[in-house]
């Protein structure tokens, strides 16, 4: 089961605005195989909104990253990591991302 981690909390956005998906992937891959990193950006400016979603191949890896990265300083800012929660949209699910294709049974 793939678990999605998020730096979204009840606090203000916390990621450094200069951080990239590549930097986040490198930092979070210390805890397991990262499937996808989605840095949320403003549609008009393409500037980071200060939060991201990180997806791992297993729940254990996601929990290890959560335990080790929450309240860690990253590029001079303290980040807050939590499990992503479903959003209240018309689909009632996690944010839409573009990860690798699902395995198909033939």
PDB file of N, CA and C in Angstrom:
ATOM      1  N   UNK A   1       0.843  -1.179   0.000  1.00  0.00           N
ATOM      2  CA  UNK A   1       0.000   0.000   0.000  1.00  0.00           C
ATOM      3  C   UNK A   1       0.886   1.238   0.000  1.00  0.00           C
ATOM      4  N   UNK A   2       0.624   2.161  -0.881  1.00  0.00           N
ATOM      5  CA  UNK A   2       1.394   3.385  -0.953  1.00  0.00           C
ATOM      6  C   UNK A   2       0.801   4.396   0.020  1.00  0.00           C
ATOM      7  N   UNK A   3       1.652   5.066   0.782  1.00  0.00           N
ATOM      8  CA  UNK A   3       1.198   6.085   1.715  1.00  0.00           C
ATOM      9  C   UNK A   3       1.738   7.426   1.266  1.00  0.00           C
ATOM     10  N   UNK A   4       0.914   8.407   1.374  1.00  0.00           N
ATOM     11  CA  UNK A   4       1.299   9.751   0.988  1.00  0.00           C
ATOM     12  C   UNK A   4       1.549  10.558   2.258  1.00  0.00           C
ATOM     13  N   UNK A   5       2.709  11.184   2.324  1.00  0.00           N
ATOM     14  CA  UNK A   5       3.010  12.092   3.414  1.00  0.00           C
ATOM     15  C   UNK A   5       2.814  13.504   2.930  1.00  0.00           C
ATOM     16  N   UNK A   6       2.606  14.380   3.856  1.00  0.00           N
ATOM     17  CA  UNK A   6       2.373  15.760   3.502  1.00  0.00           C
ATOM     18  C   UNK A   6       3.030  16.666   4.516  1.00  0.00           C
ATOM     19  N   UNK A   7       3.492  17.824   4.087  1.00  0.00           N
ATOM     20  CA  UNK A   7       3.968  18.813   5.033  1.00  0.00           C
ATOM     21  C   UNK A   7       2.836  19.767   5.390  1.00  0.00           C
ATOM     22  N   UNK A   8       1.627  19.429   5.023  1.00  0.00           N
ATOM     23  CA  UNK A   8       0.475  20.264   5.347  1.00  0.00           C
ATOM     24  C   UNK A   8       0.091  20.028   6.805  1.00  0.00           C
ATOM     25  N   UNK A   9      -0.048  21.097   7.554  1.00  0.00           N
ATOM     26  CA  UNK A   9      -0.511  21.020   8.934  1.00  0.00           C
ATOM     27  C   UNK A   9      -1.495  22.155   9.164  1.00  0.00           C
ATOM     28  N   UNK A  10      -1.914  22.312  10.394  1.00  0.00           N
ATOM     29  CA  UNK A  10      -2.795  23.432  10.733  1.00  0.00           C
ATOM     30  C   UNK A  10      -2.025  24.740  10.821  1.00  0.00           C
ATOM     31  N   UNK A  11      -0.710  24.676  10.713  1.00  0.00           N
ATOM     32  CA  UNK A  11       0.122  25.874  10.776  1.00  0.00           C
ATOM     33  C   UNK A  11       0.248  26.484   9.386  1.00  0.00           C
ATOM     34  N   UNK A  12       0.940  27.619   9.319  1.00  0.00           N
ATOM     35  CA  UNK A  12       1.207  28.247   8.022  1.00  0.00           C
ATOM     36  C   UNK A  12       2.100  27.334   7.194  1.00  0.00           C
ATOM     37  N   UNK A  13       2.096  27.473   5.862  1.00  0.00           N
ATOM     38  CA  UNK A  13       3.003  26.681   5.034  1.00  0.00           C
ATOM     39  C   UNK A  13       4.433  26.839   5.546  1.00  0.00           C
ATOM     40  N   UNK A  14       5.179  25.753   5.526  1.00  0.00           N
ATOM     41  CA  UNK A  14       6.463  25.766   6.200  1.00  0.00           C
ATOM     42  C   UNK A  14       7.676  25.448   5.337  1.00  0.00           C
ATOM     43  N   UNK A  15       7.495  24.930   4.146  1.00  0.00           N
ATOM     44  CA  UNK A  15       8.658  24.618   3.313  1.00  0.00           C
ATOM     45  C   UNK A  15       9.292  25.907   2.796  1.00  0.00           C
ATOM     46  N   UNK A  16      10.618  25.913   2.662  1.00  0.00           N
ATOM     47  CA  UNK A  16      11.266  27.066   2.046  1.00  0.00           C
ATOM     48  C   UNK A  16      10.726  27.245   0.619  1.00  0.00           C
ATOM     49  N   UNK A  17      10.431  28.466   0.225  1.00  0.00           N
ATOM     50  CA  UNK A  17       9.860  28.705  -1.102  1.00  0.00           C
ATOM     51  C   UNK A  17      10.848  28.394  -2.214  1.00  0.00           C
ATOM     52  N   UNK A  18      12.132  28.315  -1.882  1.00  0.00           N
ATOM     53  CA  UNK A  18      13.152  28.043  -2.894  1.00  0.00           C
ATOM     54  C   UNK A  18      13.392  26.550  -3.110  1.00  0.00           C
ATOM     55  N   UNK A  19      12.760  25.695  -2.326  1.00  0.00           N
ATOM     56  CA  UNK A  19      13.025  24.255  -2.421  1.00  0.00           C
ATOM     57  C   UNK A  19      12.416  23.664  -3.695  1.00  0.00           C
ATOM     58  N   UNK A  20      13.046  22.626  -4.204  1.00  0.00           N
ATOM     59  CA  UNK A  20      12.562  21.978  -5.429  1.00  0.00           C
ATOM     60  C   UNK A  20      12.078  20.559  -5.112  1.00  0.00           C
ATOM     61  N   UNK A  21      11.332  19.981  -6.051  1.00  0.00           N
ATOM     62  CA  UNK A  21      10.887  18.592  -5.898  1.00  0.00           C
ATOM     63  C   UNK A  21      12.090  17.647  -5.827  1.00  0.00           C
ATOM     64  N   UNK A  22      13.133  17.944  -6.577  1.00  0.00           N
ATOM     65  CA  UNK A  22      14.344  17.122  -6.558  1.00  0.00           C
ATOM     66  C   UNK A  22      14.999  17.146  -5.183  1.00  0.00           C
ATOM     67  N   UNK A  23      15.092  18.324  -4.578  1.00  0.00           N
ATOM     68  CA  UNK A  23      15.680  18.447  -3.240  1.00  0.00           C
ATOM     69  C   UNK A  23      14.860  17.686  -2.211  1.00  0.00           C
ATOM     70  N   UNK A  24      13.540  17.808  -2.296  1.00  0.00           N
ATOM     71  CA  UNK A  24      12.667  17.095  -1.364  1.00  0.00           C
ATOM     72  C   UNK A  24      12.790  15.592  -1.544  1.00  0.00           C
ATOM     73  N   UNK A  25      12.827  15.144  -2.785  1.00  0.00           N
ATOM     74  CA  UNK A  25      12.961  13.722  -3.060  1.00  0.00           C
ATOM     75  C   UNK A  25      14.258  13.183  -2.472  1.00  0.00           C
ATOM     76  N   UNK A  26      15.338  13.911  -2.650  1.00  0.00           N
ATOM     77  CA  UNK A  26      16.632  13.490  -2.117  1.00  0.00           C
ATOM     78  C   UNK A  26      16.583  13.423  -0.592  1.00  0.00           C
ATOM     79  N   UNK A  27      16.006  14.428   0.041  1.00  0.00           N
ATOM     80  CA  UNK A  27      15.938  14.483   1.501  1.00  0.00           C
ATOM     81  C   UNK A  27      15.068  13.355   2.071  1.00  0.00           C
ATOM     82  N   UNK A  28      13.910  13.136   1.449  1.00  0.00           N
ATOM     83  CA  UNK A  28      12.973  12.138   1.962  1.00  0.00           C
ATOM     84  C   UNK A  28      13.342  10.710   1.555  1.00  0.00           C
ATOM     85  N   UNK A  29      14.193  10.543   0.542  1.00  0.00           N
ATOM     86  CA  UNK A  29      14.577   9.188   0.123  1.00  0.00           C
ATOM     87  C   UNK A  29      15.501   8.514   1.127  1.00  0.00           C
ATOM     88  N   UNK A  30      15.957   9.246   2.131  1.00  0.00           N
ATOM     89  CA  UNK A  30      16.759   8.639   3.196  1.00  0.00           C
ATOM     90  C   UNK A  30      15.953   7.626   4.006  1.00  0.00           C
ATOM     91  N   UNK A  31      14.633   7.631   3.847  1.00  0.00           N
ATOM     92  CA  UNK A  31      13.774   6.784   4.668  1.00  0.00           C
ATOM     93  C   UNK A  31      13.052   5.708   3.874  1.00  0.00           C
ATOM     94  N   UNK A  32      13.281   5.652   2.570  1.00  0.00           N
ATOM     95  CA  UNK A  32      12.650   4.633   1.749  1.00  0.00           C
ATOM     96  C   UNK A  32      12.541   5.085   0.312  1.00  0.00           C
ATOM     97  N   UNK A  33      11.910   4.245  -0.501  1.00  0.00           N
ATOM     98  CA  UNK A  33      11.764   4.537  -1.928  1.00  0.00           C
ATOM     99  C   UNK A  33      10.641   5.539  -2.147  1.00  0.00           C
ATOM    100  N   UNK A  34      11.006   6.710  -2.629  1.00  0.00           N
ATOM    101  CA  UNK A  34      10.031   7.764  -2.926  1.00  0.00           C
ATOM    102  C   UNK A  34       9.469   7.504  -4.316  1.00  0.00           C
ATOM    103  N   UNK A  35       8.157   7.397  -4.406  1.00  0.00           N
ATOM    104  CA  UNK A  35       7.478   7.181  -5.680  1.00  0.00           C
ATOM    105  C   UNK A  35       7.266   8.518  -6.376  1.00  0.00           C
ATOM    106  N   UNK A  36       6.867   9.519  -5.593  1.00  0.00           N
ATOM    107  CA  UNK A  36       6.532  10.816  -6.191  1.00  0.00           C
ATOM    108  C   UNK A  36       6.635  11.916  -5.156  1.00  0.00           C
ATOM    109  N   UNK A  37       7.071  13.085  -5.610  1.00  0.00           N
ATOM    110  CA  UNK A  37       7.034  14.307  -4.811  1.00  0.00           C
ATOM    111  C   UNK A  37       6.242  15.325  -5.615  1.00  0.00           C
ATOM    112  N   UNK A  38       5.246  15.912  -4.982  1.00  0.00           N
ATOM    113  CA  UNK A  38       4.417  16.925  -5.638  1.00  0.00           C
ATOM    114  C   UNK A  38       4.511  18.202  -4.823  1.00  0.00           C
ATOM    115  N   UNK A  39       5.282  19.163  -5.302  1.00  0.00           N
ATOM    116  CA  UNK A  39       5.398  20.466  -4.686  1.00  0.00           C
ATOM    117  C   UNK A  39       4.241  21.321  -5.191  1.00  0.00           C
ATOM    118  N   UNK A  40       3.412  21.787  -4.301  1.00  0.00           N
ATOM    119  CA  UNK A  40       2.228  22.541  -4.700  1.00  0.00           C
ATOM    120  C   UNK A  40       2.636  23.968  -5.045  1.00  0.00           C
ATOM    121  N   UNK A  41       2.228  24.419  -6.247  1.00  0.00           N
ATOM    122  CA  UNK A  41       2.612  25.751  -6.736  1.00  0.00           C
ATOM    123  C   UNK A  41       1.385  26.573  -7.073  1.00  0.00           C
ATOM    124  N   UNK A  42       1.533  27.876  -6.988  1.00  0.00           N
ATOM    125  CA  UNK A  42       0.497  28.810  -7.393  1.00  0.00           C
ATOM    126  C   UNK A  42       0.343  28.729  -8.910  1.00  0.00           C
ATOM    127  N   UNK A  43      -0.887  28.614  -9.383  1.00  0.00           N
ATOM    128  CA  UNK A  43      -1.128  28.481 -10.830  1.00  0.00           C
ATOM    129  C   UNK A  43      -0.630  29.684 -11.625  1.00  0.00           C
ATOM    130  N   UNK A  44      -0.824  30.873 -11.095  1.00  0.00           N
ATOM    131  CA  UNK A  44      -0.473  32.080 -11.836  1.00  0.00           C
ATOM    132  C   UNK A  44       1.031  32.352 -11.833  1.00  0.00           C
ATOM    133  N   UNK A  45       1.676  32.222 -10.682  1.00  0.00           N
ATOM    134  CA  UNK A  45       3.089  32.593 -10.572  1.00  0.00           C
ATOM    135  C   UNK A  45       4.044  31.411 -10.658  1.00  0.00           C
ATOM    136  N   UNK A  46       3.536  30.195 -10.505  1.00  0.00           N
ATOM    137  CA  UNK A  46       4.352  28.976 -10.457  1.00  0.00           C
ATOM    138  C   UNK A  46       5.326  28.984  -9.278  1.00  0.00           C
ATOM    139  N   UNK A  47       5.045  29.826  -8.285  1.00  0.00           N
ATOM    140  CA  UNK A  47       5.850  29.871  -7.066  1.00  0.00           C
ATOM    141  C   UNK A  47       5.293  28.851  -6.075  1.00  0.00           C
ATOM    142  N   UNK A  48       6.190  28.204  -5.321  1.00  0.00           N
ATOM    143  CA  UNK A  48       5.775  27.234  -4.328  1.00  0.00           C
ATOM    144  C   UNK A  48       4.829  27.861  -3.314  1.00  0.00           C
ATOM    145  N   UNK A  49       3.822  27.093  -2.911  1.00  0.00           N
ATOM    146  CA  UNK A  49       2.912  27.555  -1.859  1.00  0.00           C
ATOM    147  C   UNK A  49       3.422  27.155  -0.471  1.00  0.00           C
ATOM    148  N   UNK A  50       4.562  26.468  -0.414  1.00  0.00           N
ATOM    149  CA  UNK A  50       5.173  26.143   0.862  1.00  0.00           C
ATOM    150  C   UNK A  50       4.801  24.786   1.428  1.00  0.00           C
ATOM    151  N   UNK A  51       4.163  23.941   0.607  1.00  0.00           N
ATOM    152  CA  UNK A  51       3.883  22.584   1.066  1.00  0.00           C
ATOM    153  C   UNK A  51       3.958  21.610  -0.096  1.00  0.00           C
ATOM    154  N   UNK A  52       4.081  20.321   0.266  1.00  0.00           N
ATOM    155  CA  UNK A  52       4.285  19.299  -0.754  1.00  0.00           C
ATOM    156  C   UNK A  52       3.701  17.975  -0.277  1.00  0.00           C
ATOM    157  N   UNK A  53       3.610  17.045  -1.216  1.00  0.00           N
ATOM    158  CA  UNK A  53       3.175  15.688  -0.930  1.00  0.00           C
ATOM    159  C   UNK A  53       4.289  14.743  -1.353  1.00  0.00           C
ATOM    160  N   UNK A  54       4.606  13.787  -0.485  1.00  0.00           N
ATOM    161  CA  UNK A  54       5.638  12.796  -0.769  1.00  0.00           C
ATOM    162  C   UNK A  54       4.990  11.429  -0.672  1.00  0.00           C
ATOM    163  N   UNK A  55       5.171  10.606  -1.703  1.00  0.00           N
ATOM    164  CA  UNK A  55       4.559   9.285  -1.711  1.00  0.00           C
ATOM    165  C   UNK A  55       5.650   8.225  -1.688  1.00  0.00           C
ATOM    166  N   UNK A  56       5.487   7.230  -0.803  1.00  0.00           N
ATOM    167  CA  UNK A  56       6.422   6.116  -0.655  1.00  0.00           C
ATOM    168  C   UNK A  56       5.789   4.829  -1.169  1.00  0.00           C
ATOM    169  N   UNK A  57       6.634   3.818  -1.329  1.00  0.00           N
ATOM    170  CA  UNK A  57       6.138   2.522  -1.783  1.00  0.00           C
ATOM    171  C   UNK A  57       5.510   1.717  -0.661  1.00  0.00           C
ATOM    172  N   UNK A  58       5.803   2.063   0.599  1.00  0.00           N
ATOM    173  CA  UNK A  58       5.218   1.306   1.703  1.00  0.00           C
ATOM    174  C   UNK A  58       4.842   2.222   2.860  1.00  0.00           C
ATOM    175  N   UNK A  59       3.900   1.762   3.649  1.00  0.00           N
ATOM    176  CA  UNK A  59       3.452   2.514   4.806  1.00  0.00           C
ATOM    177  C   UNK A  59       4.571   2.631   5.846  1.00  0.00           C
ATOM    178  N   UNK A  60       5.366   1.577   6.011  1.00  0.00           N
ATOM    179  CA  UNK A  60       6.465   1.620   6.979  1.00  0.00           C
ATOM    180  C   UNK A  60       7.473   2.707   6.639  1.00  0.00           C
ATOM    181  N   UNK A  61       7.792   2.851   5.354  1.00  0.00           N
ATOM    182  CA  UNK A  61       8.719   3.902   4.928  1.00  0.00           C
ATOM    183  C   UNK A  61       8.130   5.278   5.186  1.00  0.00           C
ATOM    184  N   UNK A  62       6.852   5.437   4.904  1.00  0.00           N
ATOM    185  CA  UNK A  62       6.182   6.716   5.135  1.00  0.00           C
ATOM    186  C   UNK A  62       6.196   7.078   6.618  1.00  0.00           C
ATOM    187  N   UNK A  63       5.932   6.101   7.469  1.00  0.00           N
ATOM    188  CA  UNK A  63       5.921   6.361   8.911  1.00  0.00           C
ATOM    189  C   UNK A  63       7.330   6.680   9.428  1.00  0.00           C
ATOM    190  N   UNK A  64       8.341   6.024   8.879  1.00  0.00           N
ATOM    191  CA  UNK A  64       9.720   6.307   9.265  1.00  0.00           C
ATOM    192  C   UNK A  64      10.091   7.747   8.900  1.00  0.00           C
ATOM    193  N   UNK A  65       9.702   8.174   7.708  1.00  0.00           N
ATOM    194  CA  UNK A  65       9.961   9.556   7.292  1.00  0.00           C
ATOM    195  C   UNK A  65       9.214  10.542   8.183  1.00  0.00           C
ATOM    196  N   UNK A  66       7.978  10.235   8.502  1.00  0.00           N
ATOM    197  CA  UNK A  66       7.184  11.099   9.377  1.00  0.00           C
ATOM    198  C   UNK A  66       7.877  11.267  10.727  1.00  0.00           C
ATOM    199  N   UNK A  67       8.308  10.154  11.311  1.00  0.00           N
ATOM    200  CA  UNK A  67       8.955  10.197  12.622  1.00  0.00           C
ATOM    201  C   UNK A  67      10.275  10.968  12.602  1.00  0.00           C
ATOM    202  N   UNK A  68      10.989  10.908  11.488  1.00  0.00           N
ATOM    203  CA  UNK A  68      12.309  11.540  11.419  1.00  0.00           C
ATOM    204  C   UNK A  68      12.331  12.944  10.838  1.00  0.00           C
ATOM    205  N   UNK A  69      11.335  13.305  10.039  1.00  0.00           N
ATOM    206  CA  UNK A  69      11.368  14.605   9.363  1.00  0.00           C
ATOM    207  C   UNK A  69      10.496  15.667  10.026  1.00  0.00           C
ATOM    208  N   UNK A  70       9.524  15.251  10.833  1.00  0.00           N
ATOM    209  CA  UNK A  70       8.653  16.232  11.485  1.00  0.00           C
ATOM    210  C   UNK A  70       9.477  17.088  12.450  1.00  0.00           C
ATOM    211  N   UNK A  71       9.331  18.392  12.344  1.00  0.00           N
ATOM    212  CA  UNK A  71      10.037  19.392  13.158  1.00  0.00           C
ATOM    213  C   UNK A  71      11.534  19.472  12.833  1.00  0.00           C
ATOM    214  N   UNK A  72      11.928  18.982  11.670  1.00  0.00           N
ATOM    215  CA  UNK A  72      13.321  19.074  11.244  1.00  0.00           C
ATOM    216  C   UNK A  72      13.549  20.416  10.539  1.00  0.00           C
ATOM    217  N   UNK A  73      14.750  20.942  10.650  1.00  0.00           N
ATOM    218  CA  UNK A  73      15.096  22.166   9.940  1.00  0.00           C
ATOM    219  C   UNK A  73      15.575  21.804   8.541  1.00  0.00           C
ATOM    220  N   UNK A  74      14.977  22.431   7.550  1.00  0.00           N
ATOM    221  CA  UNK A  74      15.317  22.188   6.150  1.00  0.00           C
ATOM    222  C   UNK A  74      15.516  23.544   5.478  1.00  0.00           C
ATOM    223  N   UNK A  75      16.717  23.786   4.989  1.00  0.00           N
ATOM    224  CA  UNK A  75      17.064  25.076   4.377  1.00  0.00           C
ATOM    225  C   UNK A  75      16.688  26.253   5.270  1.00  0.00           C
ATOM    226  N   UNK A  76      16.970  26.106   6.569  1.00  0.00           N
ATOM    227  CA  UNK A  76      16.757  27.210   7.503  1.00  0.00           C
ATOM    228  C   UNK A  76      15.350  27.356   8.051  1.00  0.00           C
ATOM    229  N   UNK A  77      14.428  26.476   7.662  1.00  0.00           N
ATOM    230  CA  UNK A  77      13.054  26.557   8.163  1.00  0.00           C
ATOM    231  C   UNK A  77      12.659  25.235   8.801  1.00  0.00           C
ATOM    232  N   UNK A  78      11.923  25.317   9.900  1.00  0.00           N
ATOM    233  CA  UNK A  78      11.408  24.111  10.535  1.00  0.00           C
ATOM    234  C   UNK A  78      10.215  23.638   9.725  1.00  0.00           C
ATOM    235  N   UNK A  79      10.219  22.349   9.354  1.00  0.00           N
ATOM    236  CA  UNK A  79       9.105  21.803   8.582  1.00  0.00           C
ATOM    237  C   UNK A  79       8.263  20.905   9.476  1.00  0.00           C
ATOM    238  N   UNK A  80       7.006  20.790   9.138  1.00  0.00           N
ATOM    239  CA  UNK A  80       6.058  19.955   9.866  1.00  0.00           C
ATOM    240  C   UNK A  80       5.511  18.922   8.894  1.00  0.00           C
ATOM    241  N   UNK A  81       5.650  17.658   9.256  1.00  0.00           N
ATOM    242  CA  UNK A  81       5.258  16.564   8.373  1.00  0.00           C
ATOM    243  C   UNK A  81       4.094  15.810   9.001  1.00  0.00           C
ATOM    244  N   UNK A  82       3.119  15.482   8.185  1.00  0.00           N
ATOM    245  CA  UNK A  82       1.948  14.750   8.654  1.00  0.00           C
ATOM    246  C   UNK A  82       1.471  13.844   7.525  1.00  0.00           C
ATOM    247  N   UNK A  83       0.638  12.867   7.861  1.00  0.00           N
ATOM    248  CA  UNK A  83       0.029  12.059   6.814  1.00  0.00           C
ATOM    249  C   UNK A  83      -0.980  12.912   6.064  1.00  0.00           C
ATOM    250  N   UNK A  84      -1.002  12.768   4.756  1.00  0.00           N
ATOM    251  CA  UNK A  84      -1.976  13.506   3.952  1.00  0.00           C
ATOM    252  C   UNK A  84      -3.369  12.977   4.269  1.00  0.00           C
ATOM    253  N   UNK A  85      -4.305  13.876   4.272  1.00  0.00           N
ATOM    254  CA  UNK A  85      -5.690  13.513   4.538  1.00  0.00           C
ATOM    255  C   UNK A  85      -6.531  13.785   3.301  1.00  0.00           C
ATOM    256  N   UNK A  86      -7.575  12.995   3.081  1.00  0.00           N
ATOM    257  CA  UNK A  86      -8.429  13.248   1.912  1.00  0.00           C
ATOM    258  C   UNK A  86      -8.968  14.675   1.941  1.00  0.00           C
ATOM    259  N   UNK A  87      -9.088  15.254   0.757  1.00  0.00           N
ATOM    260  CA  UNK A  87      -9.647  16.601   0.641  1.00  0.00           C
ATOM    261  C   UNK A  87     -11.138  16.501   0.357  1.00  0.00           C
ATOM    262  N   UNK A  88     -11.860  17.523   0.691  1.00  0.00           N
ATOM    263  CA  UNK A  88     -13.298  17.550   0.423  1.00  0.00           C
ATOM    264  C   UNK A  88     -13.536  18.174  -0.946  1.00  0.00           C
ATOM    265  N   UNK A  89     -13.410  17.355  -1.969  1.00  0.00           N
ATOM    266  CA  UNK A  89     -13.713  17.830  -3.317  1.00  0.00           C
ATOM    267  C   UNK A  89     -14.731  16.887  -3.943  1.00  0.00           C
ATOM    268  N   UNK A  90     -15.019  17.082  -5.177  1.00  0.00           N
ATOM    269  CA  UNK A  90     -16.044  16.271  -5.820  1.00  0.00           C
ATOM    270  C   UNK A  90     -15.665  14.794  -5.901  1.00  0.00           C
ATOM    271  N   UNK A  91     -14.353  14.496  -5.811  1.00  0.00           N
ATOM    272  CA  UNK A  91     -13.914  13.113  -5.867  1.00  0.00           C
ATOM    273  C   UNK A  91     -13.777  12.514  -4.474  1.00  0.00           C
ATOM    274  N   UNK A  92     -13.660  13.361  -3.432  1.00  0.00           N
ATOM    275  CA  UNK A  92     -13.543  12.889  -2.070  1.00  0.00           C
ATOM    276  C   UNK A  92     -12.323  12.025  -1.828  1.00  0.00           C
ATOM    277  N   UNK A  93     -11.189  12.395  -2.444  1.00  0.00           N
ATOM    278  CA  UNK A  93     -10.000  11.577  -2.309  1.00  0.00           C
ATOM    279  C   UNK A  93      -8.777  12.464  -2.133  1.00  0.00           C
ATOM    280  N   UNK A  94      -7.595  11.843  -2.256  1.00  0.00           N
ATOM    281  CA  UNK A  94      -6.357  12.585  -2.146  1.00  0.00           C
ATOM    282  C   UNK A  94      -6.173  13.494  -3.354  1.00  0.00           C
ATOM    283  N   UNK A  95      -5.309  14.505  -3.232  1.00  0.00           N
ATOM    284  CA  UNK A  95      -5.040  15.368  -4.384  1.00  0.00           C
ATOM    285  C   UNK A  95      -4.585  14.545  -5.583  1.00  0.00           C
ATOM    286  N   UNK A  96      -4.971  14.970  -6.761  1.00  0.00           N
ATOM    287  CA  UNK A  96      -4.617  14.255  -7.986  1.00  0.00           C
ATOM    288  C   UNK A  96      -3.140  14.488  -8.274  1.00  0.00           C
ATOM    289  N   UNK A  97      -2.409  13.403  -8.514  1.00  0.00           N
ATOM    290  CA  UNK A  97      -0.997  13.485  -8.836  1.00  0.00           C
ATOM    291  C   UNK A  97      -0.714  12.636 -10.062  1.00  0.00           C
ATOM    292  N   UNK A  98       0.515  12.678 -10.523  1.00  0.00           N
ATOM    293  CA  UNK A  98       0.847  11.933 -11.747  1.00  0.00           C
ATOM    294  C   UNK A  98       1.976  10.961 -11.477  1.00  0.00           C
ATOM    295  N   UNK A  99       1.738   9.988 -10.636  1.00  0.00           N
ATOM    296  CA  UNK A  99       2.738   8.983 -10.296  1.00  0.00           C
ATOM    297  C   UNK A  99       2.887   7.964 -11.397  1.00  0.00           C
ATOM    298  N   UNK A 100       3.692   6.945 -11.122  1.00  0.00           N
ATOM    299  CA  UNK A 100       3.904   5.896 -12.127  1.00  0.00           C
ATOM    300  C   UNK A 100       2.623   5.129 -12.377  1.00  0.00           C
ATOM    301  N   UNK A 101       2.505   4.513 -13.542  1.00  0.00           N
ATOM    302  CA  UNK A 101       1.286   3.770 -13.842  1.00  0.00           C
ATOM    303  C   UNK A 101       1.102   2.598 -12.887  1.00  0.00           C
ATOM    304  N   UNK A 102      -0.136   2.281 -12.590  1.00  0.00           N
ATOM    305  CA  UNK A 102      -0.446   1.145 -11.727  1.00  0.00           C
ATOM    306  C   UNK A 102      -0.156  -0.134 -12.482  1.00  0.00           C
ATOM    307  N   UNK A 103       0.208  -1.185 -11.734  1.00  0.00           N
ATOM    308  CA  UNK A 103       0.457  -2.470 -12.373  1.00  0.00           C
ATOM    309  C   UNK A 103      -0.879  -3.062 -12.837  1.00  0.00           C
ATOM    310  N   UNK A 104      -0.887  -3.604 -14.026  1.00  0.00           N
ATOM    311  CA  UNK A 104      -2.097  -4.199 -14.605  1.00  0.00           C
ATOM    312  C   UNK A 104      -1.925  -5.704 -14.636  1.00  0.00           C
ATOM    313  N   UNK A 105      -2.942  -6.439 -14.223  1.00  0.00           N
ATOM    314  CA  UNK A 105      -2.914  -7.892 -14.359  1.00  0.00           C
ATOM    315  C   UNK A 105      -3.459  -8.249 -15.727  1.00  0.00           C
ATOM    316  N   UNK A 106      -2.676  -8.994 -16.501  1.00  0.00           N
ATOM    317  CA  UNK A 106      -3.121  -9.352 -17.854  1.00  0.00           C
ATOM    318  C   UNK A 106      -3.697 -10.728 -17.889  1.00  0.00           C
TER     319      UNK A 106
END
